Structure formats: structure tokens, C-alpha cells
């Protein structure tokens, strides 16, 4: 079983590995189909970035005793650069949120 710091390391390792993979793709490959029926690469990347952002918000709320889940606005229609930027932001925010939990 993971402790909080171990879970943080794994989450960051996996998210950063995804960033490395998607940053190496040609923009045209973002519209390629995936194994997720009806989803293209851009959808998976956008979903992952947004999930990290929402999870980070849930962790920040939990730190102050708010157990209400954050709203899920849906995945915004971003271009390739915006989709990758959202993933980077998600990694940063999940790292900061988990670091905040581990200091408690």
C-alpha cells in the first residue's frame, strides 16, 4: 500500500511520462483515434489534465475540511498547445496539493 508521499511520486512520475510522450507527438497525431471509443489523443490528454486539476482542487478542499467535490465543467475545446499546457498545469497543481497534504 502507498503512503501519501509514495502516491505523490507515482502520480508525478506517470503524469510527467505522459507529458514527455505527448510533447514528442506531431500536432496531427492529436486527432488520431485511441482505444477509447470515440476519443482521439487530444481527448485523452485533455481529460487527464482536467482530472489532475479537479483532483488537486478536491485535495485543497479536503485540507480545510470541505468534502464537497469540485465542479466538473467538462473538457474545454483547446488546441494542441493549450491541451499540453493544461496537462502541465494539472501536474503542478496535483504536486502542490499533495505536498500540502503531506505537511499536515
N, C-alpha and C. Protein backbone atom coordinates (compact mmCIF):
# COMPACT_ATOMS: atom_id res chain seq x y z
N UNK A 1 0.85 -1.18 0.00
CA UNK A 1 0.00 0.00 0.00
C UNK A 1 0.89 1.24 0.00
N UNK A 2 0.47 2.25 -0.75
CA UNK A 2 1.22 3.50 -0.82
C UNK A 2 0.97 4.35 0.40
N UNK A 3 2.03 5.04 0.84
CA UNK A 3 1.81 6.14 1.76
C UNK A 3 1.60 7.38 0.88
N UNK A 4 1.28 8.48 1.46
CA UNK A 4 0.95 9.67 0.69
C UNK A 4 2.11 10.12 -0.19
N UNK A 5 3.31 10.12 0.35
CA UNK A 5 4.47 10.55 -0.43
C UNK A 5 4.75 9.58 -1.57
N UNK A 6 4.58 8.29 -1.35
CA UNK A 6 4.77 7.31 -2.42
C UNK A 6 3.74 7.50 -3.52
N UNK A 7 2.50 7.76 -3.14
CA UNK A 7 1.45 8.00 -4.13
C UNK A 7 1.76 9.27 -4.92
N UNK A 8 2.26 10.28 -4.24
CA UNK A 8 2.63 11.53 -4.92
C UNK A 8 3.73 11.26 -5.95
N UNK A 9 4.74 10.52 -5.57
CA UNK A 9 5.84 10.22 -6.52
C UNK A 9 5.34 9.47 -7.74
N UNK A 10 4.48 8.48 -7.52
CA UNK A 10 3.96 7.69 -8.64
C UNK A 10 3.09 8.56 -9.55
N UNK A 11 2.21 9.35 -8.96
CA UNK A 11 1.33 10.21 -9.77
C UNK A 11 2.17 11.16 -10.62
N UNK A 12 3.18 11.78 -10.02
CA UNK A 12 4.01 12.72 -10.77
C UNK A 12 4.84 12.01 -11.83
N UNK A 13 5.35 10.85 -11.51
CA UNK A 13 6.12 10.09 -12.49
C UNK A 13 5.27 9.76 -13.71
N UNK A 14 4.05 9.29 -13.47
CA UNK A 14 3.18 8.89 -14.58
C UNK A 14 2.69 10.09 -15.39
N UNK A 15 2.31 11.15 -14.70
CA UNK A 15 1.85 12.34 -15.41
C UNK A 15 3.00 12.97 -16.22
N UNK A 16 4.18 13.03 -15.65
CA UNK A 16 5.32 13.58 -16.38
C UNK A 16 5.72 12.69 -17.55
N UNK A 17 5.57 11.39 -17.42
CA UNK A 17 5.83 10.48 -18.54
C UNK A 17 4.84 10.75 -19.67
N UNK A 18 3.58 11.01 -19.31
CA UNK A 18 2.59 11.33 -20.34
C UNK A 18 2.96 12.63 -21.04
N UNK A 19 3.40 13.62 -20.28
CA UNK A 19 3.83 14.89 -20.89
C UNK A 19 4.95 14.64 -21.88
N UNK A 20 5.93 13.85 -21.50
CA UNK A 20 7.05 13.56 -22.40
C UNK A 20 6.56 12.92 -23.69
N UNK A 21 5.61 12.02 -23.57
CA UNK A 21 5.08 11.34 -24.75
C UNK A 21 4.31 12.31 -25.65
N UNK A 22 3.43 13.09 -25.07
CA UNK A 22 2.60 13.95 -25.92
C UNK A 22 3.37 15.12 -26.50
N UNK A 23 4.38 15.60 -25.80
CA UNK A 23 5.18 16.69 -26.35
C UNK A 23 6.01 16.22 -27.54
N UNK A 24 6.25 14.94 -27.65
CA UNK A 24 7.01 14.39 -28.77
C UNK A 24 6.14 14.11 -30.00
N UNK A 25 4.82 14.22 -29.85
CA UNK A 25 3.92 13.92 -30.96
C UNK A 25 3.82 15.10 -31.93
N UNK A 26 3.64 14.79 -33.16
CA UNK A 26 3.30 15.80 -34.15
C UNK A 26 1.86 16.23 -33.88
N UNK A 27 1.57 17.48 -34.11
CA UNK A 27 0.23 18.02 -33.84
C UNK A 27 -0.85 17.20 -34.53
N UNK A 28 -0.59 16.71 -35.74
CA UNK A 28 -1.60 15.94 -36.47
C UNK A 28 -1.98 14.66 -35.75
N UNK A 29 -1.08 14.11 -34.95
CA UNK A 29 -1.37 12.86 -34.24
C UNK A 29 -2.36 13.06 -33.09
N UNK A 30 -2.60 14.29 -32.71
CA UNK A 30 -3.56 14.54 -31.64
C UNK A 30 -4.99 14.23 -32.06
N UNK A 31 -5.20 14.11 -33.35
CA UNK A 31 -6.53 13.78 -33.85
C UNK A 31 -6.66 12.30 -34.21
N UNK A 32 -5.67 11.51 -33.85
CA UNK A 32 -5.70 10.07 -34.12
C UNK A 32 -6.59 9.36 -33.10
N UNK A 33 -7.33 8.38 -33.57
CA UNK A 33 -8.22 7.61 -32.69
C UNK A 33 -7.42 6.85 -31.63
N UNK A 34 -8.07 6.60 -30.51
CA UNK A 34 -7.46 5.82 -29.42
C UNK A 34 -8.30 4.56 -29.19
N UNK A 35 -7.90 3.77 -28.22
CA UNK A 35 -8.68 2.58 -27.86
C UNK A 35 -9.97 2.95 -27.14
N UNK A 36 -10.06 4.19 -26.68
CA UNK A 36 -11.29 4.66 -26.04
C UNK A 36 -12.25 5.07 -27.16
N UNK A 37 -13.29 4.31 -27.33
CA UNK A 37 -14.21 4.52 -28.45
C UNK A 37 -14.70 5.96 -28.51
N UNK A 38 -14.52 6.59 -29.67
CA UNK A 38 -14.97 7.95 -29.88
C UNK A 38 -14.00 9.02 -29.40
N UNK A 39 -12.89 8.62 -28.82
CA UNK A 39 -11.91 9.58 -28.31
C UNK A 39 -10.68 9.58 -29.19
N UNK A 40 -10.13 10.79 -29.39
CA UNK A 40 -8.83 10.93 -30.05
C UNK A 40 -7.79 11.25 -28.99
N UNK A 41 -6.53 11.27 -29.39
CA UNK A 41 -5.44 11.51 -28.44
C UNK A 41 -5.68 12.80 -27.66
N UNK A 42 -6.08 13.85 -28.35
CA UNK A 42 -6.32 15.14 -27.67
C UNK A 42 -7.35 14.99 -26.55
N UNK A 43 -8.39 14.20 -26.75
CA UNK A 43 -9.41 13.98 -25.72
C UNK A 43 -8.82 13.33 -24.48
N UNK A 44 -7.98 12.34 -24.68
CA UNK A 44 -7.36 11.63 -23.55
C UNK A 44 -6.44 12.57 -22.77
N UNK A 45 -5.64 13.33 -23.49
CA UNK A 45 -4.72 14.27 -22.84
C UNK A 45 -5.50 15.34 -22.09
N UNK A 46 -6.54 15.90 -22.73
CA UNK A 46 -7.35 16.93 -22.08
C UNK A 46 -8.05 16.36 -20.84
N UNK A 47 -8.57 15.17 -20.94
CA UNK A 47 -9.24 14.52 -19.81
C UNK A 47 -8.26 14.33 -18.65
N UNK A 48 -7.06 13.88 -18.95
CA UNK A 48 -6.06 13.65 -17.90
C UNK A 48 -5.67 14.95 -17.22
N UNK A 49 -5.43 15.99 -18.01
CA UNK A 49 -5.08 17.28 -17.42
C UNK A 49 -6.19 17.84 -16.55
N UNK A 50 -7.42 17.77 -17.05
CA UNK A 50 -8.55 18.27 -16.28
C UNK A 50 -8.79 17.43 -15.03
N UNK A 51 -8.62 16.13 -15.13
CA UNK A 51 -8.78 15.26 -13.96
C UNK A 51 -7.76 15.61 -12.88
N UNK A 52 -6.53 15.89 -13.29
CA UNK A 52 -5.50 16.29 -12.31
C UNK A 52 -5.87 17.62 -11.65
N UNK A 53 -6.37 18.55 -12.44
CA UNK A 53 -6.78 19.84 -11.87
C UNK A 53 -7.93 19.68 -10.88
N UNK A 54 -8.93 18.88 -11.24
CA UNK A 54 -10.08 18.67 -10.35
C UNK A 54 -9.66 17.91 -9.09
N UNK A 55 -8.78 16.93 -9.24
CA UNK A 55 -8.32 16.18 -8.07
C UNK A 55 -7.52 17.07 -7.14
N UNK A 56 -6.68 17.92 -7.71
CA UNK A 56 -5.92 18.87 -6.88
C UNK A 56 -6.87 19.77 -6.09
N UNK A 57 -7.91 20.24 -6.75
CA UNK A 57 -8.89 21.08 -6.06
C UNK A 57 -9.59 20.29 -4.94
N UNK A 58 -9.90 19.04 -5.18
CA UNK A 58 -10.51 18.21 -4.14
C UNK A 58 -9.57 18.06 -2.95
N UNK A 59 -8.28 17.87 -3.20
CA UNK A 59 -7.31 17.76 -2.11
C UNK A 59 -7.20 19.07 -1.33
N UNK A 60 -7.18 20.21 -2.05
CA UNK A 60 -7.10 21.50 -1.36
C UNK A 60 -8.34 21.71 -0.49
N UNK A 61 -9.49 21.34 -1.00
CA UNK A 61 -10.72 21.46 -0.21
C UNK A 61 -10.66 20.57 1.03
N UNK A 62 -10.19 19.36 0.86
CA UNK A 62 -10.12 18.43 1.98
C UNK A 62 -9.21 18.96 3.09
N UNK A 63 -8.17 19.67 2.70
CA UNK A 63 -7.24 20.23 3.70
C UNK A 63 -7.93 21.18 4.66
N UNK A 64 -8.99 21.83 4.20
CA UNK A 64 -9.71 22.77 5.06
C UNK A 64 -11.06 22.21 5.53
N UNK A 65 -11.25 20.90 5.34
CA UNK A 65 -12.45 20.24 5.83
C UNK A 65 -13.65 20.32 4.90
N UNK A 66 -13.48 20.82 3.71
CA UNK A 66 -14.58 20.89 2.74
C UNK A 66 -14.56 19.61 1.91
N UNK A 67 -15.55 18.76 2.11
CA UNK A 67 -15.57 17.49 1.40
C UNK A 67 -16.49 17.51 0.17
N UNK A 68 -16.96 18.70 -0.21
CA UNK A 68 -17.76 18.83 -1.43
C UNK A 68 -16.86 18.64 -2.64
N UNK A 69 -17.27 17.84 -3.59
CA UNK A 69 -16.44 17.66 -4.79
C UNK A 69 -16.45 18.93 -5.63
N UNK A 70 -15.33 19.20 -6.31
CA UNK A 70 -15.30 20.37 -7.19
C UNK A 70 -16.21 20.15 -8.39
N UNK A 71 -16.65 21.26 -8.96
CA UNK A 71 -17.47 21.17 -10.16
C UNK A 71 -16.65 20.60 -11.30
N UNK A 72 -17.31 19.94 -12.21
CA UNK A 72 -16.64 19.42 -13.41
C UNK A 72 -17.24 20.14 -14.61
N UNK A 73 -16.51 21.17 -15.10
CA UNK A 73 -17.07 21.98 -16.17
C UNK A 73 -17.08 21.30 -17.54
N UNK A 74 -16.49 20.15 -17.62
CA UNK A 74 -16.34 19.49 -18.92
C UNK A 74 -15.01 19.88 -19.53
N UNK A 75 -14.57 19.08 -20.44
CA UNK A 75 -13.27 19.32 -21.07
C UNK A 75 -13.40 20.46 -22.07
N UNK A 76 -12.59 21.52 -21.89
CA UNK A 76 -12.66 22.63 -22.83
C UNK A 76 -12.08 22.25 -24.19
N UNK A 77 -12.55 22.88 -25.23
CA UNK A 77 -12.02 22.62 -26.58
C UNK A 77 -10.75 23.42 -26.80
N UNK A 78 -9.62 22.86 -26.43
CA UNK A 78 -8.34 23.54 -26.55
C UNK A 78 -7.57 23.05 -27.77
N UNK A 79 -6.69 23.91 -28.26
CA UNK A 79 -5.79 23.47 -29.33
C UNK A 79 -4.70 22.59 -28.71
N UNK A 80 -3.79 22.10 -29.53
CA UNK A 80 -2.75 21.18 -29.03
C UNK A 80 -1.93 21.84 -27.93
N UNK A 81 -1.46 23.06 -28.16
CA UNK A 81 -0.64 23.75 -27.16
C UNK A 81 -1.41 23.96 -25.86
N UNK A 82 -2.67 24.35 -25.97
CA UNK A 82 -3.50 24.55 -24.79
C UNK A 82 -3.75 23.26 -24.02
N UNK A 83 -3.92 22.18 -24.76
CA UNK A 83 -4.15 20.87 -24.14
C UNK A 83 -2.92 20.44 -23.35
N UNK A 84 -1.75 20.63 -23.95
CA UNK A 84 -0.50 20.28 -23.25
C UNK A 84 -0.28 21.21 -22.06
N UNK A 85 -0.58 22.49 -22.22
CA UNK A 85 -0.43 23.44 -21.11
C UNK A 85 -1.35 23.06 -19.95
N UNK A 86 -2.57 22.62 -20.26
CA UNK A 86 -3.49 22.19 -19.21
C UNK A 86 -2.94 20.98 -18.46
N UNK A 87 -2.31 20.07 -19.18
CA UNK A 87 -1.71 18.90 -18.54
C UNK A 87 -0.56 19.33 -17.62
N UNK A 88 0.28 20.25 -18.10
CA UNK A 88 1.36 20.78 -17.25
C UNK A 88 0.79 21.43 -15.98
N UNK A 89 -0.25 22.23 -16.15
CA UNK A 89 -0.87 22.88 -15.00
C UNK A 89 -1.44 21.85 -14.03
N UNK A 90 -2.05 20.81 -14.56
CA UNK A 90 -2.58 19.75 -13.71
C UNK A 90 -1.50 19.07 -12.90
N UNK A 91 -0.35 18.81 -13.53
CA UNK A 91 0.77 18.19 -12.82
C UNK A 91 1.25 19.10 -11.70
N UNK A 92 1.41 20.38 -12.01
CA UNK A 92 1.89 21.32 -11.00
C UNK A 92 0.92 21.41 -9.83
N UNK A 93 -0.36 21.51 -10.14
CA UNK A 93 -1.35 21.66 -9.07
C UNK A 93 -1.52 20.39 -8.24
N UNK A 94 -1.45 19.23 -8.87
CA UNK A 94 -1.57 17.99 -8.10
C UNK A 94 -0.35 17.82 -7.20
N UNK A 95 0.81 18.21 -7.69
CA UNK A 95 2.03 18.15 -6.88
C UNK A 95 1.89 19.05 -5.66
N UNK A 96 1.47 20.29 -5.88
CA UNK A 96 1.33 21.23 -4.76
C UNK A 96 0.27 20.78 -3.77
N UNK A 97 -0.84 20.28 -4.26
CA UNK A 97 -1.92 19.84 -3.38
C UNK A 97 -1.49 18.64 -2.55
N UNK A 98 -0.83 17.69 -3.18
CA UNK A 98 -0.36 16.51 -2.42
C UNK A 98 0.74 16.88 -1.44
N UNK A 99 1.59 17.83 -1.82
CA UNK A 99 2.63 18.29 -0.90
C UNK A 99 1.97 18.93 0.33
N UNK A 100 0.90 19.68 0.10
CA UNK A 100 0.18 20.29 1.21
C UNK A 100 -0.43 19.27 2.14
N UNK A 101 -0.92 18.18 1.59
CA UNK A 101 -1.48 17.12 2.44
C UNK A 101 -0.39 16.45 3.26
N UNK A 102 0.78 16.26 2.65
CA UNK A 102 1.85 15.54 3.35
C UNK A 102 2.44 16.35 4.48
N UNK A 103 2.25 17.69 4.46
CA UNK A 103 2.76 18.54 5.54
C UNK A 103 1.82 18.57 6.74
N UNK A 104 0.66 18.01 6.58
CA UNK A 104 -0.33 18.07 7.67
C UNK A 104 -0.06 17.00 8.68
